Amino acid sequence: MTAFFIYLFKAGCWIAVWWLIYHLFLRKETFYAFNRIYLMTGLAASFLISLMKIHYPVEVFMPQPSIAVAENAAAQAHSINIYSILFYFYIFGVIFLIMRQLLLLLKINGLIRSVGYTIVDNYRLVDSPEIKMPFSFFNCIFVNLRQISEEERKLILAHERSHISQLHRIDLTVTESACIFLWFNPFAWLYLHSVKENHEYLADEAVIRNGYSPACYRAALINQSLNTSVFPLVNSFTYYKFKRIFMMKKETSNPLKKLAVLLLIPAVCFFFWAFSEPEYRVTTGESPQQPVIPLLIIDGQESSASIEELDPNRIESVDVLKGESAVKVYGEKGKNGVVVVTTKKMAQSPKNQDKAISGANAMPPLDSLLVIIDGKESASSIKELNPEQIESVSVLKDNAAISVYGEKGKNGVVVITTKKANNPPESK
C-alpha cells in the first residue's frame, strides 16, 4: 500500500512539471496542435515514468537480526494503520467523482431521450430550450436554436463540428480519468483546464480556416459573453471567450519557442535522482574481526616495524608471548601478543638495531621469505596470524634453510607451529 501512495505522489509531481512548462512557455503560443500533443504525451508519460525505479546499492550490517526484525515489524504495523486510513479516504474520493460523472451521463442521456435528435452531416443535433449554452458530447451537438440567428447558428455548429472531427472527446476522457485517479492533486485539475482551453483554440482555428469571418466570429463570442445583441449577430456559445478573442488576433508564434520542451531534460534527471531508491544488501551475524597486530620487540626495544621487514640473516631467535604472560611483562600493549626478536650480536646494540630492519641493502624481497605453517608452505602473511594460535616460532637461515627447503629457503625460513586444538600438525 505504501508503494501505491508513492506511485501517486510521483505521478502527481510529473504532471505538475509538464503543466508548469506548458503554462509558462507554451500556453500563449499559437501552435495549438503541438500543444495538444505535448499535453497528452505529458499525461501518459507522467503515469508511465512513475513506474520506473532507479536503485543504488547500500551495504548494511545487522549484528542482531532478531531485534532489528522485531523493530521493523513494529514500525510497519504502525504505518499500515495510517496508510489504511488514507487509502479508504482516497477510495471515497474516487467513488464520489465516478458517481458524479455517471450522474452527468444519465442527465445527458435523459435529455436526448426526452427531446430526440436530428442527424446532420454524420453527427446528432439535439435542440432543446433547456440548453443554456451550446456544447458537444462525443458525436452529439447540443444547442438551443430558438435563441440564435441563422448566421450565428452556422458559426456555433462549425465550432462544435470541429470538436467532433478532431476527436477532442478522447483527450477529455483520458484527462478526466486522470483527474479521478489523482483527485487530491490540484495540478491534475489545472491540467484538465489547459486541455479544454487548448481544444477551444483548435476549434476556433479550424472555423476561421474554413472561411468564416474572424470579425463575425469574435463578435459572436462577445455577444455570448454579454448575453445581448451588441453586434448585428445575436447570442450564444461557451468557454474562455475573451482569451479566445485574444488568441485569434495574435500573430503566429516563432516555432523556436517549441524548444521550451527541452526543459524536461533536467527535470527528468532531477526526478530520477530524487526518486532513486536504495537497494539494501544486508549482512547478518557477527561483525567482521579486525586483524590482530601483536607487539613487536626487537632487542628489548618496542618497534613499529613489521617482522617481515627484518633480514632473516640477522635474526638470532624469535619468541612469542601470549595471554597473561604478555600482559604481565608489557602491560596493555601486549594484550594481542608479543613477538620478541633477538638479533645477532652485531645488531644487538641500539646503534646497529636499525641495520637489522629492512633497508636498501638489508631487506630481501618480501615474497622471497618462505613461511612454513604446521609443515606446509603458506602464502599468508605472518601479520594475519592470531598470536593466541601460535605454539612456537623458529627461524632457519643460510645452509640450514637450504638443506631442508632447497632454493626456496635461500633467503631464510620462518617455521610456525600452531596449537594442536586449532590446527593439528600433519606427520611427514
Protein backbone atom coordinates (compact mmCIF):
# COMPACT_ATOMS: atom_id res chain seq x y z
CA MET A 1 0.00 0.00 0.00
CA THR A 2 2.91 2.33 0.72
CA ALA A 3 4.24 1.73 -2.81
CA PHE A 4 0.85 2.72 -4.25
CA PHE A 5 0.86 6.09 -2.48
CA ILE A 6 4.46 6.71 -3.55
CA TYR A 7 3.39 6.00 -7.13
CA LEU A 8 0.53 8.51 -6.86
CA PHE A 9 2.92 11.11 -5.46
CA LYS A 10 5.41 10.56 -8.31
CA ALA A 11 2.70 10.78 -10.96
CA GLY A 12 1.38 13.99 -9.40
CA CYS A 13 4.85 15.54 -9.40
CA TRP A 14 5.39 14.65 -13.05
CA ILE A 15 2.02 16.18 -14.03
CA ALA A 16 2.98 19.35 -12.16
CA VAL A 17 6.27 19.61 -14.10
CA TRP A 18 4.63 19.09 -17.50
CA TRP A 19 1.87 21.59 -16.72
CA LEU A 20 4.24 24.28 -15.39
CA ILE A 21 6.37 24.16 -18.54
CA TYR A 22 3.21 24.43 -20.66
CA HIS A 23 1.75 27.25 -18.56
CA LEU A 24 4.96 29.32 -18.50
CA PHE A 25 6.25 28.83 -22.05
CA LEU A 26 3.62 27.33 -24.42
CA ARG A 27 0.13 28.43 -23.31
CA LYS A 28 0.18 31.80 -25.10
CA GLU A 29 1.70 30.49 -28.33
CA THR A 30 -0.30 29.74 -31.47
CA PHE A 31 0.97 26.21 -32.28
CA TYR A 32 -2.14 24.57 -30.81
CA ALA A 33 -1.67 21.16 -32.46
CA PHE A 34 1.83 20.91 -30.97
CA ASN A 35 0.46 21.91 -27.57
CA ARG A 36 -2.18 19.21 -27.81
CA ILE A 37 0.47 16.57 -28.50
CA TYR A 38 2.61 17.95 -25.68
CA LEU A 39 -0.23 17.86 -23.12
CA MET A 40 -1.42 14.36 -23.95
CA THR A 41 2.13 12.99 -24.15
CA GLY A 42 2.90 14.52 -20.78
CA LEU A 43 -0.17 12.95 -19.22
CA ALA A 44 0.73 9.47 -20.45
CA ALA A 45 4.43 9.89 -19.60
CA SER A 46 3.62 11.01 -16.05
CA PHE A 47 2.00 7.67 -15.26
CA LEU A 48 4.47 5.51 -17.20
CA ILE A 49 7.71 7.10 -15.97
CA SER A 50 6.44 6.86 -12.38
CA LEU A 51 6.57 3.07 -12.75
CA MET A 52 10.32 3.17 -13.42
CA LYS A 53 12.65 2.61 -10.47
CA ILE A 54 16.30 3.59 -10.17
CA HIS A 55 18.31 1.79 -7.45
CA TYR A 56 21.68 2.40 -5.84
CA PRO A 57 23.43 -0.19 -3.60
CA VAL A 58 23.72 0.30 0.17
CA GLU A 59 25.68 -2.11 2.36
CA VAL A 60 24.03 -2.70 5.74
CA PHE A 61 25.46 -4.80 8.59
CA MET A 62 22.89 -6.18 11.03
CA PRO A 63 24.61 -7.58 14.14
CA GLN A 64 21.38 -8.60 15.92
CA PRO A 65 18.84 -9.62 13.27
CA SER A 66 16.19 -10.73 15.74
CA ILE A 67 15.98 -7.31 17.41
CA ALA A 68 16.15 -5.38 14.14
CA VAL A 69 13.42 -7.52 12.57
CA ALA A 70 11.17 -7.02 15.58
CA GLU A 71 11.61 -3.24 15.49
CA ASN A 72 11.00 -3.16 11.74
CA ALA A 73 7.82 -5.24 12.12
CA ALA A 74 6.51 -2.84 14.78
CA ALA A 75 7.19 0.18 12.56
CA GLN A 76 5.44 -1.47 9.63
CA ALA A 77 2.39 -2.28 11.75
CA HIS A 78 2.11 1.38 12.76
CA SER A 79 2.49 2.62 9.17
CA ILE A 80 -0.09 0.12 7.92
CA ASN A 81 -2.73 1.68 10.15
CA ILE A 82 -2.01 5.19 8.84
CA TYR A 83 -1.94 4.13 5.20
CA SER A 84 -5.14 2.13 5.62
CA ILE A 85 -6.99 5.25 6.74
CA LEU A 86 -5.55 7.29 3.88
CA PHE A 87 -6.44 4.56 1.38
CA TYR A 88 -10.09 4.47 2.48
CA PHE A 89 -10.27 8.26 2.22
CA TYR A 90 -8.70 8.12 -1.25
CA ILE A 91 -11.16 5.45 -2.42
CA PHE A 92 -14.07 7.54 -1.11
CA GLY A 93 -12.95 10.48 -3.28
CA VAL A 94 -12.58 8.25 -6.36
CA ILE A 95 -16.04 6.72 -5.90
CA PHE A 96 -17.60 10.16 -5.37
CA LEU A 97 -16.16 11.51 -8.63
CA ILE A 98 -17.13 8.41 -10.59
CA MET A 99 -20.71 8.69 -9.32
CA ARG A 100 -20.71 12.38 -10.27
CA GLN A 101 -19.66 11.56 -13.83
CA LEU A 102 -22.26 8.82 -14.09
CA LEU A 103 -24.99 11.24 -13.00
CA LEU A 104 -23.92 13.72 -15.68
CA LEU A 105 -24.03 10.96 -18.31
CA LEU A 106 -27.50 9.93 -17.16
CA LYS A 107 -28.64 13.54 -17.36
CA ILE A 108 -27.35 13.92 -20.92
CA ASN A 109 -28.89 10.62 -21.94
CA GLY A 110 -32.21 11.68 -20.41
CA LEU A 111 -32.10 14.96 -22.36
CA ILE A 112 -31.50 13.10 -25.64
CA ARG A 113 -34.38 10.71 -24.91
CA SER A 114 -36.79 13.49 -23.96
CA VAL A 115 -36.30 15.83 -26.96
CA GLY A 116 -34.83 13.45 -29.56
CA TYR A 117 -32.18 14.36 -32.14
CA THR A 118 -31.67 15.06 -35.83
CA ILE A 119 -28.93 13.51 -37.98
CA VAL A 120 -26.93 16.27 -39.70
CA ASP A 121 -23.65 15.55 -41.54
CA ASN A 122 -22.86 12.37 -39.57
CA TYR A 123 -23.48 13.96 -36.17
CA ARG A 124 -26.53 14.21 -33.94
CA LEU A 125 -28.12 17.62 -33.36
CA VAL A 126 -30.07 17.94 -30.11
CA ASP A 127 -32.19 21.10 -29.97
CA SER A 128 -33.82 21.97 -26.64
CA PRO A 129 -34.80 25.17 -24.76
CA GLU A 130 -33.27 23.59 -21.63
CA ILE A 131 -29.78 24.04 -23.11
CA LYS A 132 -28.30 27.30 -21.82
CA MET A 133 -25.07 27.20 -23.85
CA PRO A 134 -24.02 25.09 -26.85
CA PHE A 135 -21.68 22.14 -26.30
CA SER A 136 -20.67 18.89 -27.95
CA PHE A 137 -20.52 15.44 -26.39
CA PHE A 138 -18.97 12.64 -28.45
CA ASN A 139 -20.89 12.87 -31.78
CA CYS A 140 -23.76 14.97 -30.40
CA ILE A 141 -24.16 18.76 -30.59
CA PHE A 142 -26.48 20.31 -28.00
CA VAL A 143 -27.88 23.76 -28.80
CA ASN A 144 -30.98 25.93 -28.38
CA LEU A 145 -31.64 27.07 -31.95
CA ARG A 146 -34.59 29.25 -30.93
CA GLN A 147 -32.38 31.89 -29.31
CA ILE A 148 -29.81 32.41 -32.07
CA SER A 149 -29.87 33.79 -35.59
CA GLU A 150 -29.14 31.89 -38.76
CA GLU A 151 -25.66 33.40 -39.14
CA GLU A 152 -24.66 32.67 -35.56
CA ARG A 153 -26.06 29.15 -35.87
CA LYS A 154 -23.56 28.43 -38.66
CA LEU A 155 -20.65 29.62 -36.54
CA ILE A 156 -21.70 27.60 -33.50
CA LEU A 157 -22.28 24.41 -35.46
CA ALA A 158 -18.96 24.83 -37.30
CA HIS A 159 -17.19 25.27 -33.97
CA GLU A 160 -18.78 22.22 -32.38
CA ARG A 161 -18.23 20.11 -35.52
CA SER A 162 -14.50 20.89 -35.18
CA HIS A 163 -14.52 19.43 -31.67
CA ILE A 164 -16.15 16.26 -33.01
CA SER A 165 -13.97 15.85 -36.12
CA GLN A 166 -10.73 16.40 -34.15
CA LEU A 167 -11.72 13.71 -31.63
CA HIS A 168 -11.35 16.00 -28.63
CA ARG A 169 -13.61 13.62 -26.71
CA ILE A 170 -10.68 11.16 -26.45
CA ASP A 171 -8.43 13.76 -24.82
CA LEU A 172 -11.16 14.76 -22.38
CA THR A 173 -11.97 11.16 -21.44
CA VAL A 174 -8.31 10.40 -20.69
CA THR A 175 -7.75 13.65 -18.78
CA GLU A 176 -10.97 13.30 -16.78
CA SER A 177 -9.90 9.76 -15.81
CA ALA A 178 -6.53 11.08 -14.66
CA CYS A 179 -8.30 13.70 -12.54
CA ILE A 180 -10.37 11.00 -10.87
CA PHE A 181 -7.23 8.95 -10.22
CA LEU A 182 -5.37 11.99 -8.82
CA TRP A 183 -8.36 13.91 -7.45
CA PHE A 184 -6.36 15.22 -4.48
CA ASN A 185 -3.72 16.87 -6.71
CA PRO A 186 -4.61 20.44 -7.82
CA PHE A 187 -2.23 20.20 -10.78
CA ALA A 188 -4.36 17.43 -12.28
CA TRP A 189 -7.37 19.78 -12.42
CA LEU A 190 -5.23 22.59 -13.81
CA TYR A 191 -4.07 20.14 -16.47
CA LEU A 192 -7.70 19.40 -17.41
CA HIS A 193 -8.42 23.14 -17.65
CA SER A 194 -5.44 23.61 -20.00
CA VAL A 195 -6.53 20.71 -22.22
CA LYS A 196 -10.06 22.17 -22.57
CA GLU A 197 -8.70 25.64 -23.23
CA ASN A 198 -6.42 24.36 -25.99
CA HIS A 199 -9.35 22.46 -27.54
CA GLU A 200 -11.23 25.76 -27.88
CA TYR A 201 -8.22 27.33 -29.61
CA LEU A 202 -8.06 24.40 -32.02
CA ALA A 203 -11.78 24.64 -32.83
CA ASP A 204 -11.57 28.43 -33.34
CA GLU A 205 -8.60 27.97 -35.67
CA ALA A 206 -10.50 25.35 -37.69
CA VAL A 207 -13.57 27.61 -38.06
CA ILE A 208 -11.52 30.54 -39.37
CA ARG A 209 -9.59 28.28 -41.76
CA ASN A 210 -12.92 27.09 -43.20
CA GLY A 211 -13.56 30.63 -44.49
CA TYR A 212 -15.70 32.19 -41.78
CA SER A 213 -15.07 35.84 -41.00
CA PRO A 214 -12.82 36.27 -37.94
CA ALA A 215 -14.58 39.57 -37.11
CA CYS A 216 -18.03 37.98 -37.14
CA TYR A 217 -16.74 35.04 -35.16
CA ARG A 218 -15.26 37.31 -32.48
CA ALA A 219 -18.48 39.33 -32.41
CA ALA A 220 -20.47 36.19 -31.73
CA LEU A 221 -18.24 35.41 -28.77
CA ILE A 222 -18.71 38.93 -27.35
CA ASN A 223 -22.48 38.69 -27.78
CA GLN A 224 -22.45 35.42 -25.87
CA SER A 225 -20.30 36.85 -23.07
CA LEU A 226 -22.68 39.82 -22.58
CA ASN A 227 -25.81 37.80 -23.30
CA THR A 228 -27.13 40.58 -25.60
CA SER A 229 -27.01 41.63 -29.24
CA VAL A 230 -24.40 44.34 -29.19
CA PHE A 231 -23.34 43.43 -32.73
CA PRO A 232 -25.58 42.57 -35.73
CA LEU A 233 -25.21 38.89 -34.88
CA VAL A 234 -27.22 37.51 -32.00
CA ASN A 235 -26.11 35.43 -28.95
CA SER A 236 -24.66 32.09 -27.96
CA PHE A 237 -21.58 29.99 -27.15
CA THR A 238 -19.18 28.95 -24.45
CA TYR A 239 -15.88 28.84 -22.61
CA TYR A 240 -12.77 31.12 -22.42
CA LYS A 241 -14.37 33.76 -24.62
CA PHE A 242 -12.00 36.70 -24.13
CA LYS A 243 -8.87 34.53 -24.15
CA ARG A 244 -10.00 33.05 -27.45
CA ILE A 245 -10.53 36.51 -28.96
CA PHE A 246 -7.02 37.50 -27.91
CA MET A 247 -5.50 34.30 -29.37
CA MET A 248 -7.38 34.72 -32.68
CA LYS A 249 -5.86 38.20 -33.11
CA LYS A 250 -2.35 37.12 -32.15
CA GLU A 251 0.34 36.66 -34.80
CA THR A 252 1.79 33.23 -35.49
CA SER A 253 4.34 32.29 -32.83
CA ASN A 254 8.00 31.63 -33.59
CA PRO A 255 8.49 27.83 -33.93
CA LEU A 256 11.74 28.09 -31.97
CA LYS A 257 9.67 28.63 -28.85
CA LYS A 258 8.80 24.95 -29.02
CA LEU A 259 12.32 24.30 -27.74
CA ALA A 260 11.00 25.14 -24.28
CA VAL A 261 10.11 21.45 -24.02
CA LEU A 262 13.86 20.76 -23.66
CA LEU A 263 13.47 21.94 -20.08
CA LEU A 264 12.04 18.49 -19.48
CA ILE A 265 15.55 17.01 -19.76
CA PRO A 266 16.94 18.48 -16.50
CA ALA A 267 13.56 17.89 -14.87
CA VAL A 268 13.70 14.19 -15.78
CA CYS A 269 17.28 13.90 -14.50
CA PHE A 270 16.39 15.61 -11.22
CA PHE A 271 13.36 13.43 -10.58
CA PHE A 272 15.22 10.23 -11.36
CA TRP A 273 17.84 11.32 -8.84
CA ALA A 274 15.27 12.45 -6.25
CA PHE A 275 13.17 9.28 -6.51
CA SER A 276 16.02 6.77 -6.75
CA GLU A 277 15.63 4.03 -4.15
CA PRO A 278 18.33 2.31 -2.07
CA GLU A 279 18.92 -1.38 -2.68
CA TYR A 280 19.99 -2.71 0.69
CA ARG A 281 22.47 -5.56 0.88
CA VAL A 282 22.14 -6.85 4.43
CA THR A 283 24.96 -8.79 6.09
CA THR A 284 23.91 -10.55 9.30
CA GLY A 285 25.95 -12.25 12.02
CA GLU A 286 28.96 -11.13 13.98
CA SER A 287 30.88 -8.08 12.92
CA PRO A 288 33.99 -8.83 10.85
CA GLN A 289 37.09 -9.25 13.01
CA GLN A 290 39.80 -6.65 12.79
CA PRO A 291 43.29 -8.04 12.15
CA VAL A 292 45.19 -8.68 15.41
CA ILE A 293 48.59 -6.96 15.34
CA PRO A 294 50.97 -8.22 18.03
CA LEU A 295 53.55 -6.03 19.74
CA LEU A 296 56.99 -6.35 18.17
CA ILE A 297 60.08 -6.14 20.45
CA ILE A 298 63.50 -6.06 18.77
CA ASP A 299 66.48 -6.47 21.07
CA GLY A 300 64.43 -5.23 24.04
CA GLN A 301 63.09 -2.16 22.21
CA GLU A 302 59.50 -1.68 21.03
CA SER A 303 59.45 -1.32 17.26
CA SER A 304 56.83 -0.08 14.83
CA ALA A 305 58.38 -2.14 12.04
CA SER A 306 56.92 -5.39 10.74
CA ILE A 307 58.64 -8.69 11.38
CA GLU A 308 58.56 -9.27 7.62
CA GLU A 309 60.87 -6.27 7.21
CA LEU A 310 63.64 -7.97 9.19
CA ASP A 311 66.60 -9.56 7.44
CA PRO A 312 66.42 -13.31 8.35
CA ASN A 313 70.24 -13.48 8.22
CA ARG A 314 70.43 -11.14 11.20
CA ILE A 315 67.85 -12.91 13.44
CA GLU A 316 69.26 -14.88 16.33
CA SER A 317 65.97 -16.06 17.85
CA VAL A 318 62.23 -15.37 17.94
CA ASP A 319 59.98 -15.87 20.98
CA VAL A 320 56.20 -15.42 21.26
CA LEU A 321 54.42 -14.33 24.45
CA LYS A 322 50.65 -14.70 24.74
CA GLY A 323 47.84 -14.09 27.17
CA GLU A 324 48.61 -13.20 30.76
CA SER A 325 52.37 -13.64 30.38
CA ALA A 326 52.47 -10.98 27.64
CA VAL A 327 50.27 -8.56 29.61
CA LYS A 328 52.29 -9.15 32.79
CA VAL A 329 55.53 -8.12 31.12
CA TYR A 330 54.38 -5.48 28.61
CA GLY A 331 51.06 -4.29 30.07
CA GLU A 332 48.06 -3.42 27.84
CA LYS A 333 50.31 -3.14 24.82
CA GLY A 334 50.85 -6.91 24.97
CA LYS A 335 47.17 -7.93 25.09
CA ASN A 336 47.30 -9.01 21.44
CA GLY A 337 50.51 -10.97 21.96
CA VAL A 338 54.18 -10.10 21.80
CA VAL A 339 56.83 -11.21 19.30
CA VAL A 340 60.29 -10.89 20.84
CA VAL A 341 63.12 -10.88 18.31
CA THR A 342 66.79 -11.10 19.25
CA THR A 343 69.25 -10.27 16.52
CA LYS A 344 72.87 -11.38 16.22
CA LYS A 345 75.48 -9.68 18.35
CA MET A 346 76.41 -7.29 15.59
CA ALA A 347 72.86 -5.92 15.65
CA GLN A 348 72.17 -6.02 19.39
CA SER A 349 73.40 -2.52 20.18
CA PRO A 350 70.86 0.29 19.73
CA LYS A 351 73.16 1.93 17.18
CA ASN A 352 73.05 -1.14 14.96
CA GLN A 353 69.40 -2.11 15.57
CA ASP A 354 68.19 -0.13 12.62
CA LYS A 355 70.55 -2.12 10.41
CA ALA A 356 68.50 -5.25 11.18
CA ILE A 357 65.46 -3.50 9.82
CA SER A 358 64.94 -3.70 6.11
CA GLY A 359 66.67 -1.11 4.06
CA ALA A 360 68.09 -0.56 0.69
CA ASN A 361 70.95 -3.03 1.38
CA ALA A 362 69.49 -5.36 4.09
CA MET A 363 65.86 -6.29 3.36
CA PRO A 364 65.26 -9.17 0.95
CA PRO A 365 62.17 -9.05 -1.25
CA LEU A 366 59.02 -9.71 0.82
CA ASP A 367 57.86 -12.55 -1.40
CA SER A 368 61.27 -14.30 -1.03
CA LEU A 369 60.76 -15.02 2.69
CA LEU A 370 59.47 -18.61 2.99
CA VAL A 371 56.76 -19.13 5.64
CA ILE A 372 56.02 -22.68 6.84
CA ILE A 373 52.88 -23.13 8.97
CA ASP A 374 52.37 -26.60 10.53
CA GLY A 375 54.67 -28.22 7.97
CA LYS A 376 53.03 -26.60 4.95
CA GLU A 377 54.27 -23.77 2.82
CA SER A 378 51.91 -20.79 3.22
CA ALA A 379 51.32 -17.72 1.11
CA SER A 380 49.71 -15.92 4.07
CA SER A 381 51.39 -13.03 5.82
CA ILE A 382 52.67 -13.50 9.37
CA LYS A 383 50.62 -10.43 10.36
CA GLU A 384 47.43 -12.33 9.51
CA LEU A 385 48.07 -14.94 12.22
CA ASN A 386 46.45 -14.66 15.64
CA PRO A 387 49.18 -14.84 18.31
CA GLU A 388 46.80 -16.87 20.50
CA GLN A 389 47.00 -19.70 17.97
CA ILE A 390 50.82 -19.79 17.79
CA GLU A 391 52.54 -22.56 19.74
CA SER A 392 56.15 -21.85 18.66
CA VAL A 393 58.21 -19.97 16.08
CA SER A 394 61.68 -20.87 14.78
CA VAL A 395 63.91 -19.35 12.15
CA LEU A 396 66.18 -21.21 9.71
CA LYS A 397 68.88 -19.37 7.81
CA ASP A 398 71.63 -19.88 5.29
CA ASN A 399 72.71 -23.52 4.76
CA ALA A 400 70.29 -24.88 7.38
CA ALA A 401 67.32 -23.40 5.49
CA ILE A 402 68.62 -24.52 2.07
CA SER A 403 69.37 -28.09 3.23
CA VAL A 404 65.75 -28.56 4.35
CA TYR A 405 63.75 -26.45 1.90
CA GLY A 406 66.09 -26.11 -1.07
CA GLU A 407 66.37 -22.97 -3.12
CA LYS A 408 63.08 -21.64 -1.68
CA GLY A 409 64.77 -21.21 1.67
CA LYS A 410 67.85 -19.39 0.49
CA ASN A 411 66.58 -16.06 1.90
CA GLY A 412 65.50 -17.60 5.20
CA VAL A 413 62.58 -19.63 6.52
CA VAL A 414 60.13 -18.88 9.35
CA VAL A 415 58.69 -22.13 10.76
CA ILE A 416 55.49 -21.65 12.79
CA THR A 417 53.68 -24.37 14.76
CA THR A 418 50.11 -23.63 15.87
CA LYS A 419 48.23 -25.17 18.76
CA LYS A 420 47.03 -28.71 18.14
CA ALA A 421 43.42 -27.83 19.12
CA ASN A 422 43.11 -25.40 16.23
CA ASN A 423 45.32 -26.90 13.56
CA PRO A 424 46.90 -30.31 14.40
CA PRO A 425 50.22 -30.72 12.65
CA GLU A 426 50.46 -33.29 9.92
CA SER A 427 53.08 -36.00 10.15
CA LYS A 428 55.58 -36.23 7.39
